[in-house]
Amino acid sequence: MFALNTRPAASVAGSRDPFSLMDSLFSDWLSARPASALVSNARIDVSENNGSYEVRAELPGATKDDISVEIEGVRVSITAKRDSQSEKKDGEKVLYSERTHESYARSFELPQAVDSETAVAKFENGVLMLTLPKKNAPQSRKLAVQ
């Protein structure tokens, strides 16, 4: 998507503020850029079931290969990266070319440690589903003094 915003020359030239031109250039540029689909639409829900946590993360536009999940005790980290390129041509002449890199990272802690060996991650239709079984709490034990 390419947008060019214009304003009458009199409104820019007539201003006494020397920085108004720069401000208007940056505000036009920032408002014309669409929000990152991966980051702006990412949503996470965490629920607790019998013996496990269920995590549902919406990552629209991502693919299975773009996503990484790390589990370390009670901490769960989800990252996703996506690169894209678009180009508009008129015959052999390139009129517009853009490359974007989007990344998303979210870490959170659960109330109880997770068994990373039996955890399961599935990704389907832009939704990452994690099933994270809870680790059994360490049992206390009485030691005999010798």
N, C-alpha and C. Protein backbone atom coordinates (compact mmCIF):
# COMPACT_ATOMS: atom_id res chain seq x y z
N MET A 1 0.84 -1.16 0.00
CA MET A 1 0.00 0.00 0.00
C MET A 1 0.89 1.23 0.00
N PHE A 2 0.65 2.13 -0.89
CA PHE A 2 1.42 3.36 -0.98
C PHE A 2 0.46 4.54 -0.98
N ALA A 3 0.70 5.48 -0.10
CA ALA A 3 -0.18 6.65 -0.01
C ALA A 3 0.68 7.89 0.05
N LEU A 4 0.28 8.89 -0.64
CA LEU A 4 0.98 10.17 -0.64
C LEU A 4 0.00 11.22 -0.18
N ASN A 5 0.30 11.84 0.94
CA ASN A 5 -0.57 12.89 1.47
C ASN A 5 -0.02 14.23 1.04
N THR A 6 -0.87 15.09 0.60
CA THR A 6 -0.44 16.44 0.19
C THR A 6 -1.23 17.46 0.96
N ARG A 7 -0.65 18.64 1.04
CA ARG A 7 -1.34 19.76 1.67
C ARG A 7 -1.00 21.01 0.87
N PRO A 8 -1.86 22.01 0.91
CA PRO A 8 -1.58 23.23 0.16
C PRO A 8 -0.25 23.85 0.60
N ALA A 9 0.51 24.35 -0.37
CA ALA A 9 1.81 24.95 -0.07
C ALA A 9 1.68 26.12 0.87
N ALA A 10 0.60 26.85 0.80
CA ALA A 10 0.42 28.03 1.65
C ALA A 10 0.37 27.65 3.12
N SER A 11 -0.21 26.49 3.44
CA SER A 11 -0.31 26.11 4.86
C SER A 11 1.04 25.77 5.44
N VAL A 12 1.96 25.24 4.64
CA VAL A 12 3.30 24.91 5.12
C VAL A 12 4.19 26.15 5.08
N ALA A 13 4.16 26.87 3.97
CA ALA A 13 5.03 28.03 3.79
C ALA A 13 4.64 29.17 4.72
N GLY A 14 3.36 29.29 5.05
CA GLY A 14 2.90 30.39 5.87
C GLY A 14 3.17 30.21 7.36
N SER A 15 3.62 29.08 7.76
CA SER A 15 3.85 28.81 9.17
C SER A 15 5.15 29.48 9.63
N ARG A 16 5.14 30.01 10.83
CA ARG A 16 6.34 30.67 11.37
C ARG A 16 7.21 29.67 12.13
N ASP A 17 6.71 28.51 12.44
CA ASP A 17 7.47 27.51 13.18
C ASP A 17 8.40 26.78 12.21
N PRO A 18 9.73 26.86 12.41
CA PRO A 18 10.65 26.22 11.47
C PRO A 18 10.58 24.69 11.49
N PHE A 19 10.03 24.13 12.54
CA PHE A 19 9.96 22.67 12.63
C PHE A 19 8.62 22.11 12.14
N SER A 20 7.70 22.96 11.74
CA SER A 20 6.38 22.49 11.33
C SER A 20 6.46 21.62 10.07
N LEU A 21 7.39 21.93 9.17
CA LEU A 21 7.54 21.12 7.97
C LEU A 21 7.98 19.70 8.34
N MET A 22 8.96 19.60 9.23
CA MET A 22 9.44 18.27 9.65
C MET A 22 8.33 17.52 10.39
N ASP A 23 7.62 18.22 11.27
CA ASP A 23 6.52 17.58 12.00
C ASP A 23 5.47 17.04 11.04
N SER A 24 5.13 17.83 10.03
CA SER A 24 4.10 17.40 9.09
C SER A 24 4.58 16.23 8.25
N LEU A 25 5.87 16.23 7.88
CA LEU A 25 6.40 15.10 7.11
C LEU A 25 6.32 13.80 7.91
N PHE A 26 6.75 13.85 9.18
CA PHE A 26 6.73 12.65 10.00
C PHE A 26 5.31 12.20 10.32
N SER A 27 4.41 13.13 10.58
CA SER A 27 3.04 12.72 10.89
C SER A 27 2.36 12.11 9.67
N ASP A 28 2.64 12.64 8.48
CA ASP A 28 2.10 12.05 7.26
C ASP A 28 2.65 10.65 7.05
N TRP A 29 3.93 10.49 7.25
CA TRP A 29 4.58 9.19 7.04
C TRP A 29 4.07 8.16 8.03
N LEU A 30 3.97 8.54 9.29
CA LEU A 30 3.52 7.60 10.31
C LEU A 30 2.06 7.22 10.14
N SER A 31 1.22 8.17 9.75
CA SER A 31 -0.19 7.85 9.61
C SER A 31 -0.46 7.00 8.37
N ALA A 32 0.42 7.04 7.38
CA ALA A 32 0.21 6.28 6.14
C ALA A 32 0.63 4.83 6.28
N ARG A 33 1.42 4.50 7.30
CA ARG A 33 1.92 3.15 7.47
C ARG A 33 0.88 2.30 8.21
N PRO A 34 0.52 1.15 7.66
CA PRO A 34 -0.42 0.29 8.37
C PRO A 34 0.24 -0.35 9.58
N ALA A 35 -0.55 -0.65 10.59
CA ALA A 35 -0.02 -1.31 11.77
C ALA A 35 0.39 -2.73 11.41
N SER A 36 1.38 -3.23 12.10
CA SER A 36 1.86 -4.57 11.86
C SER A 36 0.76 -5.57 12.21
N ALA A 37 0.40 -6.40 11.26
CA ALA A 37 -0.69 -7.36 11.48
C ALA A 37 -0.33 -8.38 12.54
N LEU A 38 0.92 -8.82 12.56
CA LEU A 38 1.34 -9.83 13.51
C LEU A 38 1.26 -9.29 14.93
N VAL A 39 1.78 -8.09 15.14
CA VAL A 39 1.83 -7.52 16.49
C VAL A 39 0.47 -6.97 16.92
N SER A 40 -0.21 -6.24 16.06
CA SER A 40 -1.45 -5.59 16.48
C SER A 40 -2.59 -6.57 16.69
N ASN A 41 -2.54 -7.74 16.07
CA ASN A 41 -3.63 -8.70 16.20
C ASN A 41 -3.29 -9.87 17.12
N ALA A 42 -2.09 -9.89 17.70
CA ALA A 42 -1.69 -10.99 18.57
C ALA A 42 -2.47 -10.93 19.89
N ARG A 43 -3.13 -12.01 20.24
CA ARG A 43 -3.89 -12.11 21.48
C ARG A 43 -3.54 -13.43 22.16
N ILE A 44 -3.46 -13.40 23.50
CA ILE A 44 -3.13 -14.60 24.25
C ILE A 44 -4.17 -14.82 25.34
N ASP A 45 -4.64 -16.06 25.45
CA ASP A 45 -5.54 -16.48 26.53
C ASP A 45 -4.88 -17.65 27.24
N VAL A 46 -4.87 -17.63 28.57
CA VAL A 46 -4.31 -18.72 29.36
C VAL A 46 -5.41 -19.21 30.29
N SER A 47 -5.64 -20.52 30.27
CA SER A 47 -6.62 -21.10 31.18
C SER A 47 -6.00 -22.31 31.87
N GLU A 48 -6.58 -22.67 33.00
CA GLU A 48 -6.08 -23.79 33.79
C GLU A 48 -7.11 -24.90 33.78
N ASN A 49 -6.69 -26.09 33.39
CA ASN A 49 -7.55 -27.27 33.42
C ASN A 49 -6.98 -28.26 34.42
N ASN A 50 -7.60 -29.39 34.52
CA ASN A 50 -7.11 -30.42 35.45
C ASN A 50 -5.69 -30.85 35.08
N GLY A 51 -4.74 -30.41 35.87
CA GLY A 51 -3.36 -30.85 35.70
C GLY A 51 -2.58 -30.18 34.59
N SER A 52 -3.14 -29.17 33.90
CA SER A 52 -2.39 -28.51 32.84
C SER A 52 -2.88 -27.08 32.62
N TYR A 53 -2.07 -26.33 31.91
CA TYR A 53 -2.44 -24.99 31.45
C TYR A 53 -2.67 -25.06 29.94
N GLU A 54 -3.67 -24.35 29.49
CA GLU A 54 -3.95 -24.27 28.06
C GLU A 54 -3.70 -22.82 27.62
N VAL A 55 -2.86 -22.65 26.62
CA VAL A 55 -2.54 -21.32 26.10
C VAL A 55 -3.02 -21.25 24.67
N ARG A 56 -3.76 -20.19 24.36
CA ARG A 56 -4.24 -19.96 23.00
C ARG A 56 -3.70 -18.61 22.56
N ALA A 57 -2.83 -18.61 21.54
CA ALA A 57 -2.22 -17.38 21.05
C ALA A 57 -2.59 -17.17 19.58
N GLU A 58 -3.26 -16.07 19.29
CA GLU A 58 -3.61 -15.75 17.91
C GLU A 58 -2.44 -15.01 17.27
N LEU A 59 -1.88 -15.59 16.21
CA LEU A 59 -0.75 -14.99 15.51
C LEU A 59 -1.06 -14.93 14.01
N PRO A 60 -1.95 -14.03 13.61
CA PRO A 60 -2.36 -13.98 12.20
C PRO A 60 -1.20 -13.62 11.29
N GLY A 61 -1.13 -14.31 10.17
CA GLY A 61 -0.08 -14.04 9.19
C GLY A 61 1.19 -14.83 9.43
N ALA A 62 1.34 -15.43 10.59
CA ALA A 62 2.53 -16.22 10.88
C ALA A 62 2.36 -17.63 10.32
N THR A 63 3.48 -18.30 10.11
CA THR A 63 3.45 -19.71 9.74
C THR A 63 4.10 -20.52 10.85
N LYS A 64 3.96 -21.82 10.78
CA LYS A 64 4.52 -22.71 11.79
C LYS A 64 6.03 -22.49 11.94
N ASP A 65 6.71 -22.26 10.82
CA ASP A 65 8.16 -22.08 10.85
C ASP A 65 8.58 -20.73 11.44
N ASP A 66 7.66 -19.77 11.52
CA ASP A 66 7.96 -18.44 12.06
C ASP A 66 7.94 -18.42 13.59
N ILE A 67 7.39 -19.46 14.22
CA ILE A 67 7.09 -19.42 15.65
C ILE A 67 8.08 -20.25 16.46
N SER A 68 8.42 -19.72 17.63
CA SER A 68 9.28 -20.43 18.57
C SER A 68 8.66 -20.35 19.96
N VAL A 69 8.65 -21.47 20.67
CA VAL A 69 8.12 -21.52 22.04
C VAL A 69 9.21 -22.09 22.94
N GLU A 70 9.49 -21.39 24.04
CA GLU A 70 10.48 -21.87 25.01
C GLU A 70 9.82 -21.94 26.38
N ILE A 71 10.14 -23.01 27.11
CA ILE A 71 9.60 -23.21 28.45
C ILE A 71 10.77 -23.41 29.40
N GLU A 72 10.77 -22.63 30.46
CA GLU A 72 11.82 -22.75 31.48
C GLU A 72 11.18 -22.61 32.85
N GLY A 73 10.88 -23.73 33.47
CA GLY A 73 10.22 -23.72 34.77
C GLY A 73 8.81 -23.17 34.68
N VAL A 74 8.59 -21.99 35.29
CA VAL A 74 7.27 -21.36 35.27
C VAL A 74 7.14 -20.34 34.13
N ARG A 75 8.24 -20.05 33.44
CA ARG A 75 8.24 -19.03 32.39
C ARG A 75 8.03 -19.65 31.01
N VAL A 76 7.08 -19.06 30.26
CA VAL A 76 6.78 -19.47 28.90
C VAL A 76 7.05 -18.28 27.99
N SER A 77 7.81 -18.49 26.92
CA SER A 77 8.14 -17.43 25.97
C SER A 77 7.69 -17.84 24.58
N ILE A 78 6.96 -16.95 23.92
CA ILE A 78 6.49 -17.18 22.55
C ILE A 78 7.06 -16.06 21.68
N THR A 79 7.75 -16.43 20.60
CA THR A 79 8.26 -15.44 19.66
C THR A 79 7.83 -15.83 18.25
N ALA A 80 7.62 -14.83 17.43
CA ALA A 80 7.27 -15.06 16.03
C ALA A 80 7.92 -13.96 15.19
N LYS A 81 8.46 -14.35 14.04
CA LYS A 81 9.09 -13.40 13.13
C LYS A 81 8.58 -13.66 11.73
N ARG A 82 8.40 -12.58 10.98
CA ARG A 82 7.92 -12.72 9.61
C ARG A 82 8.53 -11.64 8.74
N ASP A 83 9.02 -12.03 7.59
CA ASP A 83 9.56 -11.11 6.60
C ASP A 83 8.67 -11.14 5.37
N SER A 84 8.47 -9.98 4.76
CA SER A 84 7.69 -9.95 3.52
C SER A 84 8.26 -8.87 2.61
N GLN A 85 7.95 -9.01 1.34
CA GLN A 85 8.42 -8.06 0.34
C GLN A 85 7.30 -7.83 -0.66
N SER A 86 7.11 -6.57 -1.03
CA SER A 86 6.13 -6.25 -2.05
C SER A 86 6.78 -5.31 -3.05
N GLU A 87 6.29 -5.40 -4.28
CA GLU A 87 6.88 -4.61 -5.34
C GLU A 87 5.81 -4.27 -6.36
N LYS A 88 5.83 -3.03 -6.83
CA LYS A 88 4.90 -2.62 -7.87
C LYS A 88 5.73 -2.23 -9.09
N LYS A 89 5.41 -2.88 -10.21
CA LYS A 89 6.18 -2.64 -11.43
C LYS A 89 5.28 -2.13 -12.54
N ASP A 90 5.90 -1.37 -13.42
CA ASP A 90 5.28 -0.94 -14.67
C ASP A 90 6.18 -1.48 -15.76
N GLY A 91 5.87 -2.69 -16.21
CA GLY A 91 6.76 -3.37 -17.16
C GLY A 91 8.02 -3.81 -16.43
N GLU A 92 9.17 -3.37 -16.89
CA GLU A 92 10.43 -3.68 -16.24
C GLU A 92 10.83 -2.63 -15.21
N LYS A 93 10.14 -1.50 -15.21
CA LYS A 93 10.46 -0.39 -14.32
C LYS A 93 9.79 -0.58 -12.96
N VAL A 94 10.60 -0.57 -11.90
CA VAL A 94 10.07 -0.71 -10.54
C VAL A 94 9.60 0.67 -10.07
N LEU A 95 8.32 0.75 -9.72
CA LEU A 95 7.75 2.00 -9.23
C LEU A 95 7.82 2.10 -7.71
N TYR A 96 7.72 0.95 -7.06
CA TYR A 96 7.64 0.93 -5.61
C TYR A 96 8.10 -0.43 -5.11
N SER A 97 8.94 -0.44 -4.10
CA SER A 97 9.41 -1.69 -3.52
C SER A 97 9.50 -1.51 -2.01
N GLU A 98 9.03 -2.50 -1.28
CA GLU A 98 9.05 -2.40 0.18
C GLU A 98 9.34 -3.76 0.79
N ARG A 99 10.18 -3.76 1.82
CA ARG A 99 10.48 -4.96 2.57
C ARG A 99 10.13 -4.68 4.03
N THR A 100 9.45 -5.61 4.65
CA THR A 100 9.07 -5.43 6.05
C THR A 100 9.55 -6.61 6.88
N HIS A 101 9.83 -6.33 8.12
CA HIS A 101 10.20 -7.36 9.08
C HIS A 101 9.34 -7.13 10.31
N GLU A 102 8.57 -8.13 10.67
CA GLU A 102 7.72 -8.03 11.84
C GLU A 102 8.18 -9.06 12.86
N SER A 103 8.13 -8.68 14.12
CA SER A 103 8.46 -9.65 15.16
C SER A 103 7.52 -9.44 16.35
N TYR A 104 7.32 -10.52 17.05
CA TYR A 104 6.43 -10.52 18.21
C TYR A 104 7.10 -11.36 19.29
N ALA A 105 7.09 -10.90 20.50
CA ALA A 105 7.65 -11.66 21.61
C ALA A 105 6.79 -11.42 22.84
N ARG A 106 6.49 -12.50 23.52
CA ARG A 106 5.69 -12.40 24.75
C ARG A 106 6.17 -13.47 25.71
N SER A 107 6.47 -13.08 26.93
CA SER A 107 6.85 -14.01 27.99
C SER A 107 5.93 -13.79 29.18
N PHE A 108 5.59 -14.87 29.84
CA PHE A 108 4.76 -14.76 31.03
C PHE A 108 5.09 -15.92 31.96
N GLU A 109 4.74 -15.73 33.23
CA GLU A 109 4.99 -16.75 34.24
C GLU A 109 3.68 -17.36 34.69
N LEU A 110 3.69 -18.67 34.84
CA LEU A 110 2.53 -19.40 35.32
C LEU A 110 2.68 -19.64 36.82
N PRO A 111 1.59 -19.91 37.51
CA PRO A 111 1.67 -20.12 38.96
C PRO A 111 2.47 -21.35 39.37
N GLN A 112 2.58 -22.32 38.47
CA GLN A 112 3.27 -23.58 38.81
C GLN A 112 4.16 -23.97 37.64
N ALA A 113 5.27 -24.65 37.94
CA ALA A 113 6.21 -25.08 36.90
C ALA A 113 5.53 -26.04 35.92
N VAL A 114 6.04 -26.04 34.70
CA VAL A 114 5.47 -26.83 33.61
C VAL A 114 6.45 -27.93 33.22
N ASP A 115 5.90 -29.09 32.88
CA ASP A 115 6.72 -30.22 32.42
C ASP A 115 6.98 -30.03 30.92
N SER A 116 8.13 -29.50 30.59
CA SER A 116 8.44 -29.18 29.19
C SER A 116 8.60 -30.43 28.33
N GLU A 117 8.89 -31.56 28.93
CA GLU A 117 9.07 -32.81 28.17
C GLU A 117 7.76 -33.32 27.58
N THR A 118 6.64 -33.07 28.24
CA THR A 118 5.35 -33.57 27.75
C THR A 118 4.46 -32.46 27.20
N ALA A 119 4.99 -31.24 27.13
CA ALA A 119 4.21 -30.12 26.59
C ALA A 119 3.99 -30.32 25.09
N VAL A 120 2.84 -29.83 24.59
CA VAL A 120 2.48 -29.99 23.19
C VAL A 120 2.12 -28.62 22.60
N ALA A 121 2.63 -28.35 21.39
CA ALA A 121 2.31 -27.11 20.68
C ALA A 121 1.73 -27.46 19.32
N LYS A 122 0.57 -26.87 19.00
CA LYS A 122 -0.07 -27.07 17.70
C LYS A 122 -0.39 -25.70 17.11
N PHE A 123 -0.19 -25.57 15.80
CA PHE A 123 -0.48 -24.31 15.12
C PHE A 123 -1.37 -24.59 13.93
N GLU A 124 -2.54 -23.95 13.93
CA GLU A 124 -3.51 -24.17 12.86
C GLU A 124 -4.33 -22.91 12.64
N ASN A 125 -4.47 -22.49 11.39
CA ASN A 125 -5.28 -21.32 11.01
C ASN A 125 -4.92 -20.07 11.79
N GLY A 126 -3.62 -19.82 11.99
CA GLY A 126 -3.18 -18.61 12.67
C GLY A 126 -3.30 -18.64 14.18
N VAL A 127 -3.62 -19.80 14.76
CA VAL A 127 -3.78 -19.91 16.21
C VAL A 127 -2.81 -20.96 16.75
N LEU A 128 -1.99 -20.55 17.72
CA LEU A 128 -1.07 -21.45 18.40
C LEU A 128 -1.75 -21.95 19.67
N MET A 129 -1.83 -23.27 19.81
CA MET A 129 -2.42 -23.88 21.01
C MET A 129 -1.32 -24.63 21.76
N LEU A 130 -1.14 -24.29 23.02
CA LEU A 130 -0.16 -24.97 23.86
C LEU A 130 -0.89 -25.72 24.96
N THR A 131 -0.51 -26.96 25.15
CA THR A 131 -0.98 -27.74 26.30
C THR A 131 0.25 -27.97 27.17
N LEU A 132 0.24 -27.37 28.36
CA LEU A 132 1.40 -27.37 29.24
C LEU A 132 1.07 -28.09 30.54
N PRO A 133 1.42 -29.39 30.63
CA PRO A 133 1.14 -30.13 31.87
C PRO A 133 1.94 -29.58 33.05
N LYS A 134 1.29 -29.51 34.19
CA LYS A 134 1.95 -29.04 35.41
C LYS A 134 2.92 -30.10 35.91
N LYS A 135 4.04 -29.63 36.44
CA LYS A 135 4.97 -30.54 37.11
C LYS A 135 4.43 -30.82 38.50
N ASN A 136 4.60 -32.03 38.93
CA ASN A 136 4.18 -32.35 40.28
C ASN A 136 5.03 -31.56 41.27
N ALA A 137 4.39 -31.01 42.26
CA ALA A 137 5.10 -30.25 43.27
C ALA A 137 6.04 -31.19 44.03
N PRO A 138 7.22 -30.72 44.35
CA PRO A 138 8.15 -31.58 45.08
C PRO A 138 7.55 -32.00 46.42
N GLN A 139 7.66 -33.27 46.71
CA GLN A 139 7.14 -33.80 47.96
C GLN A 139 8.19 -33.60 49.06
N SER A 140 7.72 -33.22 50.23
CA SER A 140 8.65 -33.08 51.33
C SER A 140 8.94 -34.47 51.89
N ARG A 141 10.09 -34.58 52.43
CA ARG A 141 10.48 -35.89 52.93
C ARG A 141 11.33 -35.67 54.19
N LYS A 142 11.16 -36.54 55.13
CA LYS A 142 11.89 -36.45 56.39
C LYS A 142 13.12 -37.31 56.28
N LEU A 143 14.24 -36.74 56.63
CA LEU A 143 15.50 -37.47 56.58
C LEU A 143 15.84 -38.01 57.96
N ALA A 144 16.36 -39.21 57.96
CA ALA A 144 16.81 -39.79 59.22
C ALA A 144 18.22 -39.28 59.52
N VAL A 145 18.42 -38.85 60.71
CA VAL A 145 19.74 -38.35 61.11
C VAL A 145 20.57 -39.54 61.55
N GLN A 146 21.77 -39.65 60.99
CA GLN A 146 22.67 -40.79 61.33
C GLN A 146 23.80 -40.35 62.19
